[in-house]
Amino acid sequence: MTSPTRRRIGRPESPELRGNVLRAAIDAYAEKGWSGFNFDVVATRAGVGRPALYRRWADRTALLVDAFKELTPSLVDEDLGSLRQELVRLGVDYATMMRGSRGLAGTRLMADAHFHPDLFARVSAEVSERREDLVQRSVERARARGEIADDCTRDITLLLFGALWERSALAATGRAMHAERPDVEHLVDVVLRGLGQGPDVV
């Protein structure tokens, strides 16, 4: 005889709960940094009880790592036929992300890196290293197409995303405008020419 299905007590889980919690986590971390980031703060912002968080994440580090990973756009490889176009795509998405709480959270993480290196390492493994891997794949395709001769992945990553990060920091203080697509295109061209990959890379 088949035993009856055990009914769950309480309200059914909302399919939007995870997304709400992850956005609340990024917002809370962006505003308060690691010292002010905990399950109580996130639960209040997300409008859920703490047990909902404890059921899904072992601790606040795991929660924040998931928030960074899932709220970072364009960590997906896409072959657009040219290194320039692929870098522009990644750069535009990065510049757009840096305008909101996700971007501010990334800046907070840099500030916390000295005091919490393990947290920085875990987020970096899920986000920064993934972004560098995408640049690496773009560079490999460009080499196969004969666009470039050398592997300059690290240089491109530091120059392109470092410059966009600084631009967003200046924009937050009113000292610059947020980067738009033409700005990203210009920056990509400058980086590629500076690495000796232009003017053929257009």
N, C-alpha and C. Protein backbone atom coordinates (compact mmCIF):
# COMPACT_ATOMS: atom_id res chain seq x y z
N MET A 1 0.85 -1.19 0.00
CA MET A 1 0.00 0.00 0.00
C MET A 1 0.89 1.25 0.00
N THR A 2 0.59 2.16 -0.87
CA THR A 2 1.39 3.37 -0.97
C THR A 2 1.01 4.36 0.10
N SER A 3 2.00 4.83 0.82
CA SER A 3 1.71 5.80 1.90
C SER A 3 1.35 7.13 1.29
N PRO A 4 0.47 7.87 1.94
CA PRO A 4 0.05 9.16 1.39
C PRO A 4 1.20 10.15 1.40
N THR A 5 1.18 11.07 0.42
CA THR A 5 2.21 12.11 0.35
C THR A 5 2.12 13.01 1.55
N ARG A 6 3.26 13.25 2.15
CA ARG A 6 3.27 14.10 3.34
C ARG A 6 3.06 15.55 2.94
N ARG A 7 2.10 16.19 3.53
CA ARG A 7 1.81 17.58 3.22
C ARG A 7 2.75 18.49 3.98
N ARG A 8 3.22 19.52 3.31
CA ARG A 8 4.07 20.49 3.96
C ARG A 8 3.22 21.47 4.73
N ILE A 9 3.69 21.80 5.90
CA ILE A 9 2.97 22.73 6.76
C ILE A 9 3.45 24.14 6.46
N GLY A 10 2.51 25.07 6.39
CA GLY A 10 2.88 26.46 6.15
C GLY A 10 2.63 26.87 4.72
N ARG A 11 3.02 28.10 4.42
CA ARG A 11 2.80 28.64 3.10
C ARG A 11 3.74 28.00 2.07
N PRO A 12 3.25 27.78 0.87
CA PRO A 12 4.13 27.23 -0.18
C PRO A 12 5.21 28.24 -0.55
N GLU A 13 6.36 27.74 -0.99
CA GLU A 13 7.45 28.62 -1.37
C GLU A 13 7.10 29.40 -2.63
N SER A 14 7.45 30.66 -2.63
CA SER A 14 7.24 31.50 -3.81
C SER A 14 8.39 31.27 -4.79
N PRO A 15 8.09 31.12 -6.08
CA PRO A 15 9.16 30.94 -7.07
C PRO A 15 10.07 32.16 -7.15
N GLU A 16 9.58 33.32 -6.68
CA GLU A 16 10.39 34.53 -6.71
C GLU A 16 11.24 34.71 -5.47
N LEU A 17 11.09 33.80 -4.49
CA LEU A 17 11.78 34.00 -3.21
C LEU A 17 13.29 34.08 -3.37
N ARG A 18 13.87 33.14 -4.12
CA ARG A 18 15.32 33.12 -4.27
C ARG A 18 15.84 34.42 -4.88
N GLY A 19 15.19 34.86 -5.96
CA GLY A 19 15.62 36.10 -6.60
C GLY A 19 15.50 37.29 -5.68
N ASN A 20 14.41 37.35 -4.91
CA ASN A 20 14.22 38.46 -3.98
C ASN A 20 15.32 38.48 -2.91
N VAL A 21 15.65 37.29 -2.42
CA VAL A 21 16.67 37.20 -1.37
C VAL A 21 18.03 37.60 -1.93
N LEU A 22 18.37 37.13 -3.12
CA LEU A 22 19.68 37.46 -3.69
C LEU A 22 19.80 38.95 -3.98
N ARG A 23 18.74 39.56 -4.47
CA ARG A 23 18.78 41.01 -4.70
C ARG A 23 18.89 41.77 -3.38
N ALA A 24 18.17 41.28 -2.37
CA ALA A 24 18.25 41.92 -1.05
C ALA A 24 19.65 41.78 -0.47
N ALA A 25 20.28 40.63 -0.72
CA ALA A 25 21.64 40.41 -0.22
C ALA A 25 22.62 41.38 -0.86
N ILE A 26 22.54 41.55 -2.17
CA ILE A 26 23.42 42.49 -2.86
C ILE A 26 23.18 43.92 -2.38
N ASP A 27 21.92 44.29 -2.25
CA ASP A 27 21.59 45.64 -1.78
C ASP A 27 22.15 45.89 -0.38
N ALA A 28 21.98 44.91 0.50
CA ALA A 28 22.44 45.05 1.87
C ALA A 28 23.96 45.14 1.94
N TYR A 29 24.63 44.30 1.17
CA TYR A 29 26.09 44.32 1.19
C TYR A 29 26.62 45.61 0.58
N ALA A 30 25.99 46.06 -0.50
CA ALA A 30 26.41 47.30 -1.14
C ALA A 30 26.30 48.47 -0.18
N GLU A 31 25.27 48.47 0.65
CA GLU A 31 25.02 49.57 1.57
C GLU A 31 25.87 49.49 2.83
N LYS A 32 26.04 48.28 3.37
CA LYS A 32 26.63 48.14 4.69
C LYS A 32 28.00 47.48 4.71
N GLY A 33 28.39 46.80 3.61
CA GLY A 33 29.64 46.07 3.64
C GLY A 33 29.54 44.81 4.47
N TRP A 34 30.65 44.10 4.61
CA TRP A 34 30.64 42.81 5.29
C TRP A 34 30.28 42.93 6.76
N SER A 35 30.73 43.98 7.42
CA SER A 35 30.48 44.12 8.86
C SER A 35 29.01 44.29 9.18
N GLY A 36 28.23 44.80 8.22
CA GLY A 36 26.80 44.99 8.47
C GLY A 36 25.92 44.02 7.71
N PHE A 37 26.53 42.96 7.19
CA PHE A 37 25.80 42.01 6.37
C PHE A 37 25.51 40.74 7.16
N ASN A 38 24.24 40.40 7.33
CA ASN A 38 23.87 39.18 8.03
C ASN A 38 22.47 38.74 7.60
N PHE A 39 22.08 37.56 8.06
CA PHE A 39 20.79 37.00 7.66
C PHE A 39 19.62 37.87 8.13
N ASP A 40 19.74 38.48 9.29
CA ASP A 40 18.66 39.32 9.79
C ASP A 40 18.38 40.48 8.83
N VAL A 41 19.45 41.15 8.42
CA VAL A 41 19.31 42.29 7.52
C VAL A 41 18.71 41.86 6.18
N VAL A 42 19.22 40.76 5.63
CA VAL A 42 18.74 40.29 4.33
C VAL A 42 17.29 39.83 4.41
N ALA A 43 16.95 39.10 5.45
CA ALA A 43 15.58 38.61 5.61
C ALA A 43 14.60 39.77 5.69
N THR A 44 14.96 40.80 6.44
CA THR A 44 14.09 41.97 6.57
C THR A 44 13.90 42.65 5.22
N ARG A 45 14.99 42.83 4.49
CA ARG A 45 14.90 43.49 3.18
C ARG A 45 14.08 42.67 2.20
N ALA A 46 14.23 41.35 2.25
CA ALA A 46 13.53 40.48 1.31
C ALA A 46 12.09 40.20 1.73
N GLY A 47 11.74 40.54 2.96
CA GLY A 47 10.39 40.30 3.45
C GLY A 47 10.10 38.83 3.72
N VAL A 48 11.13 38.10 4.18
CA VAL A 48 10.96 36.68 4.50
C VAL A 48 11.51 36.43 5.91
N GLY A 49 11.21 35.25 6.42
CA GLY A 49 11.74 34.89 7.72
C GLY A 49 13.15 34.32 7.60
N ARG A 50 13.93 34.40 8.67
CA ARG A 50 15.28 33.87 8.65
C ARG A 50 15.35 32.39 8.32
N PRO A 51 14.37 31.57 8.77
CA PRO A 51 14.43 30.14 8.43
C PRO A 51 14.49 29.88 6.93
N ALA A 52 13.86 30.74 6.14
CA ALA A 52 13.89 30.57 4.69
C ALA A 52 15.31 30.68 4.16
N LEU A 53 16.12 31.50 4.80
CA LEU A 53 17.51 31.65 4.39
C LEU A 53 18.35 30.48 4.89
N TYR A 54 18.14 30.09 6.13
CA TYR A 54 18.92 29.00 6.71
C TYR A 54 18.67 27.67 5.99
N ARG A 55 17.50 27.51 5.41
CA ARG A 55 17.22 26.28 4.67
C ARG A 55 17.99 26.20 3.37
N ARG A 56 18.40 27.35 2.85
CA ARG A 56 19.03 27.38 1.53
C ARG A 56 20.53 27.67 1.54
N TRP A 57 20.98 28.38 2.55
CA TRP A 57 22.40 28.75 2.60
C TRP A 57 22.98 28.41 3.96
N ALA A 58 24.16 27.81 3.94
CA ALA A 58 24.80 27.39 5.19
C ALA A 58 25.21 28.58 6.04
N ASP A 59 25.61 29.67 5.40
CA ASP A 59 26.05 30.84 6.14
C ASP A 59 25.98 32.06 5.23
N ARG A 60 26.33 33.22 5.76
CA ARG A 60 26.21 34.45 4.99
C ARG A 60 27.20 34.51 3.83
N THR A 61 28.33 33.83 3.97
CA THR A 61 29.29 33.80 2.86
C THR A 61 28.69 33.09 1.66
N ALA A 62 28.09 31.94 1.88
CA ALA A 62 27.48 31.19 0.78
C ALA A 62 26.37 32.00 0.12
N LEU A 63 25.60 32.72 0.93
CA LEU A 63 24.54 33.56 0.38
C LEU A 63 25.11 34.66 -0.49
N LEU A 64 26.14 35.35 -0.01
CA LEU A 64 26.70 36.45 -0.77
C LEU A 64 27.38 35.97 -2.05
N VAL A 65 28.06 34.84 -1.98
CA VAL A 65 28.71 34.30 -3.18
C VAL A 65 27.65 34.00 -4.24
N ASP A 66 26.54 33.38 -3.85
CA ASP A 66 25.46 33.10 -4.81
C ASP A 66 24.88 34.39 -5.38
N ALA A 67 24.75 35.40 -4.53
CA ALA A 67 24.19 36.68 -5.00
C ALA A 67 25.10 37.30 -6.06
N PHE A 68 26.39 37.33 -5.80
CA PHE A 68 27.33 37.87 -6.79
C PHE A 68 27.27 37.07 -8.08
N LYS A 69 27.28 35.75 -7.95
CA LYS A 69 27.31 34.88 -9.13
C LYS A 69 26.07 35.04 -9.99
N GLU A 70 24.90 35.03 -9.37
CA GLU A 70 23.66 35.02 -10.13
C GLU A 70 23.22 36.41 -10.59
N LEU A 71 23.77 37.45 -9.98
CA LEU A 71 23.38 38.81 -10.37
C LEU A 71 24.47 39.50 -11.20
N THR A 72 25.41 38.72 -11.70
CA THR A 72 26.43 39.24 -12.60
C THR A 72 26.05 38.87 -14.03
N PRO A 73 25.79 39.86 -14.90
CA PRO A 73 25.32 39.55 -16.26
C PRO A 73 26.42 39.08 -17.18
N SER A 74 26.02 38.40 -18.22
CA SER A 74 26.89 38.02 -19.35
C SER A 74 28.13 37.24 -18.95
N LEU A 75 27.97 36.25 -18.08
CA LEU A 75 29.06 35.33 -17.82
C LEU A 75 28.86 34.10 -18.70
N VAL A 76 28.42 34.35 -19.93
CA VAL A 76 28.15 33.30 -20.91
C VAL A 76 28.96 33.59 -22.16
N ASP A 77 29.61 32.58 -22.68
CA ASP A 77 30.44 32.75 -23.87
C ASP A 77 29.56 32.94 -25.11
N GLU A 78 29.98 33.85 -26.01
CA GLU A 78 29.23 34.10 -27.23
C GLU A 78 30.21 34.47 -28.34
N ASP A 79 30.19 33.72 -29.42
CA ASP A 79 31.07 33.98 -30.56
C ASP A 79 30.39 34.97 -31.49
N LEU A 80 30.92 36.20 -31.55
CA LEU A 80 30.34 37.24 -32.40
C LEU A 80 31.16 37.47 -33.66
N GLY A 81 32.20 36.67 -33.86
CA GLY A 81 32.96 36.77 -35.10
C GLY A 81 34.15 37.69 -35.07
N SER A 82 34.30 38.49 -34.00
CA SER A 82 35.48 39.35 -33.91
C SER A 82 35.78 39.62 -32.44
N LEU A 83 37.06 39.75 -32.13
CA LEU A 83 37.47 40.03 -30.76
C LEU A 83 36.91 41.36 -30.29
N ARG A 84 36.93 42.34 -31.14
CA ARG A 84 36.43 43.67 -30.75
C ARG A 84 34.97 43.60 -30.32
N GLN A 85 34.14 42.96 -31.13
CA GLN A 85 32.71 42.90 -30.81
C GLN A 85 32.45 42.12 -29.52
N GLU A 86 33.20 41.08 -29.30
CA GLU A 86 33.01 40.29 -28.09
C GLU A 86 33.44 41.08 -26.85
N LEU A 87 34.52 41.84 -26.96
CA LEU A 87 34.96 42.67 -25.84
C LEU A 87 33.98 43.81 -25.59
N VAL A 88 33.43 44.37 -26.65
CA VAL A 88 32.43 45.43 -26.49
C VAL A 88 31.21 44.88 -25.76
N ARG A 89 30.76 43.69 -26.14
CA ARG A 89 29.60 43.10 -25.46
C ARG A 89 29.87 42.94 -23.97
N LEU A 90 31.01 42.36 -23.63
CA LEU A 90 31.34 42.16 -22.23
C LEU A 90 31.50 43.50 -21.52
N GLY A 91 32.11 44.47 -22.19
CA GLY A 91 32.32 45.77 -21.58
C GLY A 91 31.04 46.53 -21.33
N VAL A 92 30.12 46.49 -22.28
CA VAL A 92 28.84 47.18 -22.13
C VAL A 92 28.05 46.58 -20.97
N ASP A 93 28.01 45.27 -20.89
CA ASP A 93 27.28 44.63 -19.80
C ASP A 93 27.92 44.95 -18.45
N TYR A 94 29.25 44.98 -18.43
CA TYR A 94 29.95 45.32 -17.18
C TYR A 94 29.66 46.76 -16.78
N ALA A 95 29.73 47.69 -17.73
CA ALA A 95 29.48 49.10 -17.43
C ALA A 95 28.05 49.31 -16.94
N THR A 96 27.10 48.60 -17.54
CA THR A 96 25.71 48.71 -17.12
C THR A 96 25.53 48.17 -15.70
N MET A 97 26.16 47.04 -15.42
CA MET A 97 26.08 46.45 -14.09
C MET A 97 26.64 47.38 -13.03
N MET A 98 27.72 48.10 -13.36
CA MET A 98 28.38 48.94 -12.38
C MET A 98 27.56 50.14 -11.96
N ARG A 99 26.46 50.40 -12.63
CA ARG A 99 25.62 51.54 -12.26
C ARG A 99 24.76 51.26 -11.03
N GLY A 100 24.47 50.01 -10.76
CA GLY A 100 23.53 49.68 -9.69
C GLY A 100 24.18 49.11 -8.45
N SER A 101 23.36 48.48 -7.62
CA SER A 101 23.84 47.91 -6.36
C SER A 101 24.87 46.82 -6.59
N ARG A 102 24.73 46.07 -7.69
CA ARG A 102 25.71 45.02 -7.96
C ARG A 102 27.10 45.62 -8.15
N GLY A 103 27.17 46.74 -8.84
CA GLY A 103 28.46 47.39 -9.04
C GLY A 103 29.03 47.92 -7.74
N LEU A 104 28.19 48.55 -6.94
CA LEU A 104 28.65 49.07 -5.65
C LEU A 104 29.08 47.93 -4.74
N ALA A 105 28.37 46.81 -4.82
CA ALA A 105 28.76 45.65 -4.01
C ALA A 105 30.14 45.15 -4.41
N GLY A 106 30.44 45.19 -5.71
CA GLY A 106 31.77 44.79 -6.16
C GLY A 106 32.85 45.71 -5.61
N THR A 107 32.55 46.99 -5.54
CA THR A 107 33.51 47.95 -4.97
C THR A 107 33.68 47.68 -3.48
N ARG A 108 32.60 47.37 -2.79
CA ARG A 108 32.68 47.02 -1.37
C ARG A 108 33.58 45.79 -1.18
N LEU A 109 33.42 44.84 -2.08
CA LEU A 109 34.20 43.61 -1.97
C LEU A 109 35.69 43.90 -2.09
N MET A 110 36.05 44.80 -2.98
CA MET A 110 37.45 45.18 -3.12
C MET A 110 37.96 45.79 -1.81
N ALA A 111 37.14 46.61 -1.19
CA ALA A 111 37.54 47.23 0.07
C ALA A 111 37.67 46.20 1.19
N ASP A 112 36.83 45.17 1.15
CA ASP A 112 36.85 44.13 2.19
C ASP A 112 37.91 43.07 1.95
N ALA A 113 38.52 43.07 0.77
CA ALA A 113 39.44 41.99 0.40
C ALA A 113 40.60 41.84 1.37
N HIS A 114 41.12 42.94 1.87
CA HIS A 114 42.27 42.88 2.79
C HIS A 114 41.91 42.20 4.10
N PHE A 115 40.70 42.45 4.58
CA PHE A 115 40.29 41.92 5.88
C PHE A 115 39.60 40.57 5.76
N HIS A 116 39.04 40.28 4.60
CA HIS A 116 38.31 39.02 4.41
C HIS A 116 38.75 38.38 3.10
N PRO A 117 40.00 37.94 3.01
CA PRO A 117 40.53 37.40 1.75
C PRO A 117 39.80 36.15 1.29
N ASP A 118 39.31 35.33 2.22
CA ASP A 118 38.60 34.12 1.81
C ASP A 118 37.30 34.45 1.08
N LEU A 119 36.58 35.45 1.57
CA LEU A 119 35.36 35.89 0.90
C LEU A 119 35.69 36.40 -0.49
N PHE A 120 36.71 37.23 -0.60
CA PHE A 120 37.11 37.77 -1.89
C PHE A 120 37.49 36.65 -2.85
N ALA A 121 38.24 35.67 -2.35
CA ALA A 121 38.69 34.56 -3.20
C ALA A 121 37.50 33.75 -3.73
N ARG A 122 36.50 33.52 -2.89
CA ARG A 122 35.35 32.73 -3.32
C ARG A 122 34.53 33.46 -4.37
N VAL A 123 34.30 34.75 -4.16
CA VAL A 123 33.55 35.51 -5.16
C VAL A 123 34.35 35.63 -6.44
N SER A 124 35.64 35.86 -6.31
CA SER A 124 36.50 35.99 -7.49
C SER A 124 36.47 34.72 -8.33
N ALA A 125 36.48 33.58 -7.67
CA ALA A 125 36.46 32.31 -8.40
C ALA A 125 35.18 32.15 -9.20
N GLU A 126 34.08 32.71 -8.72
CA GLU A 126 32.79 32.56 -9.39
C GLU A 126 32.54 33.66 -10.42
N VAL A 127 33.18 34.82 -10.26
CA VAL A 127 32.85 35.96 -11.11
C VAL A 127 34.07 36.45 -11.89
N SER A 128 35.08 36.97 -11.20
CA SER A 128 36.22 37.56 -11.90
C SER A 128 36.96 36.55 -12.76
N GLU A 129 37.20 35.37 -12.21
CA GLU A 129 37.90 34.35 -12.99
C GLU A 129 37.05 33.86 -14.15
N ARG A 130 35.74 33.84 -13.96
CA ARG A 130 34.85 33.46 -15.05
C ARG A 130 34.90 34.50 -16.17
N ARG A 131 34.93 35.79 -15.80
CA ARG A 131 35.02 36.84 -16.80
C ARG A 131 36.33 36.75 -17.56
N GLU A 132 37.41 36.49 -16.84
CA GLU A 132 38.71 36.35 -17.51
C GLU A 132 38.72 35.14 -18.43
N ASP A 133 38.02 34.09 -18.03
CA ASP A 133 37.91 32.91 -18.89
C ASP A 133 37.19 33.24 -20.18
N LEU A 134 36.17 34.10 -20.11
CA LEU A 134 35.46 34.50 -21.32
C LEU A 134 36.37 35.31 -22.25
N VAL A 135 37.17 36.19 -21.65
CA VAL A 135 38.14 36.94 -22.47
C VAL A 135 39.13 35.97 -23.10
N GLN A 136 39.56 34.98 -22.34
CA GLN A 136 40.50 33.99 -22.86
C GLN A 136 39.92 33.28 -24.08
N ARG A 137 38.66 32.90 -23.99
CA ARG A 137 38.03 32.21 -25.12
C ARG A 137 37.93 33.12 -26.34
N SER A 138 37.62 34.40 -26.10
CA SER A 138 37.56 35.35 -27.20
C SER A 138 38.92 35.51 -27.86
N VAL A 139 39.96 35.58 -27.02
CA VAL A 139 41.32 35.73 -27.54
C VAL A 139 41.72 34.49 -28.35
N GLU A 140 41.37 33.32 -27.87
CA GLU A 140 41.71 32.09 -28.59
C GLU A 140 41.03 32.05 -29.95
N ARG A 141 39.78 32.48 -30.02
CA ARG A 141 39.09 32.51 -31.32
C ARG A 141 39.74 33.54 -32.24
N ALA A 142 40.12 34.68 -31.65
CA ALA A 142 40.76 35.72 -32.45
C ALA A 142 42.09 35.23 -33.01
N ARG A 143 42.82 34.48 -32.23
CA ARG A 143 44.09 33.92 -32.72
C ARG A 143 43.83 32.93 -33.85
N ALA A 144 42.79 32.13 -33.70
CA ALA A 144 42.46 31.16 -34.75
C ALA A 144 42.04 31.85 -36.04
N ARG A 145 41.43 33.03 -35.92
CA ARG A 145 41.01 33.79 -37.11
C ARG A 145 42.15 34.62 -37.68
N GLY A 146 43.27 34.67 -36.97
CA GLY A 146 44.40 35.46 -37.42
C GLY A 146 44.31 36.92 -37.06
N GLU A 147 43.43 37.28 -36.11
CA GLU A 147 43.28 38.68 -35.70
C GLU A 147 44.45 39.14 -34.84
N ILE A 148 44.94 38.28 -33.98
CA ILE A 148 46.02 38.63 -33.07
C ILE A 148 47.03 37.50 -33.05
N ALA A 149 48.24 37.85 -32.64
CA ALA A 149 49.32 36.86 -32.63
C ALA A 149 49.65 36.35 -31.24
N ASP A 150 49.41 37.16 -30.22
CA ASP A 150 49.82 36.81 -28.86
C ASP A 150 48.62 36.63 -27.95
N ASP A 151 48.85 35.88 -26.87
CA ASP A 151 47.82 35.73 -25.85
C ASP A 151 47.97 36.87 -24.85
N CYS A 152 47.05 37.82 -24.91
CA CYS A 152 47.13 39.00 -24.05
C CYS A 152 45.90 39.08 -23.15
N THR A 153 45.39 37.94 -22.73
CA THR A 153 44.15 37.89 -21.96
C THR A 153 44.22 38.71 -20.69
N ARG A 154 45.26 38.50 -19.90
CA ARG A 154 45.38 39.21 -18.63
C ARG A 154 45.45 40.72 -18.84
N ASP A 155 46.21 41.15 -19.85
CA ASP A 155 46.33 42.58 -20.11
C ASP A 155 44.98 43.18 -20.49
N ILE A 156 44.25 42.49 -21.35
CA ILE A 156 42.95 42.99 -21.77
C ILE A 156 42.00 43.09 -20.58
N THR A 157 41.98 42.05 -19.76
CA THR A 157 41.08 42.03 -18.61
C THR A 157 41.36 43.19 -17.66
N LEU A 158 42.62 43.40 -17.34
CA LEU A 158 42.98 44.46 -16.40
C LEU A 158 42.72 45.84 -17.00
N LEU A 159 43.11 46.04 -18.24
CA LEU A 159 42.98 47.36 -18.85
C LEU A 159 41.51 47.72 -19.10
N LEU A 160 40.75 46.79 -19.66
CA LEU A 160 39.36 47.09 -20.01
C LEU A 160 38.48 47.22 -18.78
N PHE A 161 38.43 46.18 -17.97
CA PHE A 161 37.51 46.20 -16.84
C PHE A 161 38.01 47.10 -15.71
N GLY A 162 39.33 47.22 -15.60
CA GLY A 162 39.86 48.16 -14.61
C GLY A 162 39.48 49.60 -14.93
N ALA A 163 39.57 49.96 -16.21
CA ALA A 163 39.20 51.31 -16.62
C ALA A 163 37.70 51.56 -16.44
N LEU A 164 36.89 50.56 -16.76
CA LEU A 164 35.44 50.72 -16.59
C LEU A 164 35.07 50.81 -15.12
N TRP A 165 35.77 50.06 -14.27
CA TRP A 165 35.51 50.15 -12.83
C TRP A 165 35.85 51.56 -12.32
N GLU A 166 36.99 52.10 -12.75
CA GLU A 166 37.37 53.44 -12.30
C GLU A 166 36.37 54.48 -12.81
N ARG A 167 35.91 54.31 -14.04
CA ARG A 167 34.93 55.24 -14.60
C ARG A 167 33.66 55.24 -13.75
N SER A 168 33.22 54.07 -13.32
CA SER A 168 32.00 53.99 -12.52
C SER A 168 32.22 54.63 -11.15
N ALA A 169 33.42 54.47 -10.59
CA ALA A 169 33.72 55.08 -9.29
C ALA A 169 33.70 56.60 -9.40
N LEU A 170 34.24 57.13 -10.48
CA LEU A 170 34.21 58.57 -10.69
C LEU A 170 32.78 59.06 -10.92
N ALA A 171 32.00 58.28 -11.65
CA ALA A 171 30.61 58.66 -11.90
C ALA A 171 29.81 58.72 -10.60
N ALA A 172 30.12 57.83 -9.67
CA ALA A 172 29.41 57.82 -8.39
C ALA A 172 29.67 59.09 -7.58
N THR A 173 30.79 59.74 -7.84
CA THR A 173 31.12 60.98 -7.13
C THR A 173 30.77 62.21 -7.95
N GLY A 174 30.21 62.02 -9.14
CA GLY A 174 29.84 63.14 -9.99
C GLY A 174 30.98 63.71 -10.80
N ARG A 175 32.11 63.03 -10.82
CA ARG A 175 33.28 63.54 -11.53
C ARG A 175 33.36 63.03 -12.96
N ALA A 176 32.44 62.18 -13.35
CA ALA A 176 32.41 61.65 -14.72
C ALA A 176 31.01 61.13 -14.99
N MET A 177 30.72 60.90 -16.27
CA MET A 177 29.45 60.30 -16.66
C MET A 177 29.64 58.78 -16.72
N HIS A 178 28.56 58.05 -16.48
CA HIS A 178 28.62 56.60 -16.62
C HIS A 178 28.95 56.24 -18.07
N ALA A 179 29.73 55.19 -18.24
CA ALA A 179 30.14 54.77 -19.57
C ALA A 179 28.94 54.24 -20.36
N GLU A 180 28.81 54.73 -21.60
CA GLU A 180 27.81 54.24 -22.54
C GLU A 180 28.51 53.40 -23.60
N ARG A 181 27.73 52.81 -24.50
CA ARG A 181 28.32 51.94 -25.51
C ARG A 181 29.43 52.62 -26.32
N PRO A 182 29.24 53.86 -26.81
CA PRO A 182 30.34 54.49 -27.56
C PRO A 182 31.62 54.62 -26.72
N ASP A 183 31.47 54.87 -25.43
CA ASP A 183 32.64 54.96 -24.56
C ASP A 183 33.35 53.61 -24.47
N VAL A 184 32.56 52.54 -24.35
CA VAL A 184 33.14 51.21 -24.27
C VAL A 184 33.84 50.86 -25.58
N GLU A 185 33.20 51.17 -26.69
CA GLU A 185 33.82 50.90 -27.99
C GLU A 185 35.15 51.62 -28.13
N HIS A 186 35.18 52.90 -27.72
CA HIS A 186 36.42 53.66 -27.79
C HIS A 186 37.49 53.04 -26.90
N LEU A 187 37.10 52.64 -25.70
CA LEU A 187 38.06 52.05 -24.76
C LEU A 187 38.61 50.74 -25.30
N VAL A 188 37.74 49.90 -25.86
CA VAL A 188 38.20 48.64 -26.44
C VAL A 188 39.21 48.91 -27.55
N ASP A 189 38.93 49.90 -28.40
CA ASP A 189 39.86 50.23 -29.49
C ASP A 189 41.21 50.70 -28.94
N VAL A 190 41.16 51.52 -27.89
CA VAL A 190 42.40 52.02 -27.29
C VAL A 190 43.20 50.86 -26.70
N VAL A 191 42.52 49.95 -26.01
CA VAL A 191 43.20 48.81 -25.40
C VAL A 191 43.85 47.94 -26.47
N LEU A 192 43.11 47.63 -27.51
CA LEU A 192 43.64 46.76 -28.55
C LEU A 192 44.80 47.41 -29.30
N ARG A 193 44.67 48.70 -29.59
CA ARG A 193 45.78 49.39 -30.25
C ARG A 193 46.99 49.46 -29.33
N GLY A 194 46.73 49.69 -28.05
CA GLY A 194 47.83 49.78 -27.10
C GLY A 194 48.58 48.45 -26.95
N LEU A 195 47.89 47.36 -27.20
CA LEU A 195 48.52 46.04 -27.12
C LEU A 195 49.10 45.63 -28.47
N GLY A 196 49.08 46.57 -29.42
CA GLY A 196 49.66 46.28 -30.72
C GLY A 196 48.78 45.44 -31.61
N GLN A 197 47.46 45.44 -31.33
CA GLN A 197 46.55 44.62 -32.11
C GLN A 197 45.75 45.41 -33.13
N GLY A 198 46.04 46.70 -33.28
CA GLY A 198 45.32 47.52 -34.25
C GLY A 198 46.28 48.07 -35.26
N PRO A 199 45.80 48.70 -36.33
CA PRO A 199 44.38 49.02 -36.57
C PRO A 199 43.59 47.92 -37.25
N ASP A 200 44.19 46.72 -37.43
CA ASP A 200 43.46 45.67 -38.11
C ASP A 200 42.27 45.17 -37.30
N VAL A 201 42.34 45.28 -35.96
CA VAL A 201 41.24 44.84 -35.11
C VAL A 201 40.26 45.98 -35.02
N VAL A 202 39.19 45.94 -35.81
CA VAL A 202 38.23 47.03 -35.87
C VAL A 202 36.82 46.46 -35.81
